[in-house]
């Protein structure tokens, strides 16, 4: 695997085997990334610098990160970064991060093919997040234009729902 920092090859383990209908995605990933089929961190062969949990609900991400059963004790402790992409319940992920000794480094909202996705980068450290930041994240400062698009679309969707309820 290419190492842009020049520190030598890095080993990467993907905790989920991804297969497209024609098998191409699996081949692409397994050609570059060592895959491990595991319930969270339980079967990682060695600790990793960066852990990525994406494409699943926030509650499941929190459970997988919090699960100590069968996991090497150093699996989470060795991580210098977590990249998380919860499909729902991001507040559950933020609370779990705080309990596990991680703080949110940054959050970004991205849009792909009409869908919005939240990406959270977390690093070890004490979280000083206030309750509203745990609920709504760090994007509330208004610096992310995609997050603004998301809020406007949610407002329109909620207005349509309210209108239907008033009938």
Foldseek 3Di string as FASTA:
>chain_A
DDDPVPPDDFAAEACPQDADPVRPVNVVCVVPHHYHPDQAQQPDPDAHQEEEDEDEALVSVLCSLPDPVNHDPCNNVNHQKYKYKHPDDQLSNQVSCQVVQKEWPDWAWDDDPRDIIIITMIGGHHYPDDPVCSVPNPCVVPPHVVVVVVVVVVVVVVVVVVVVVVD
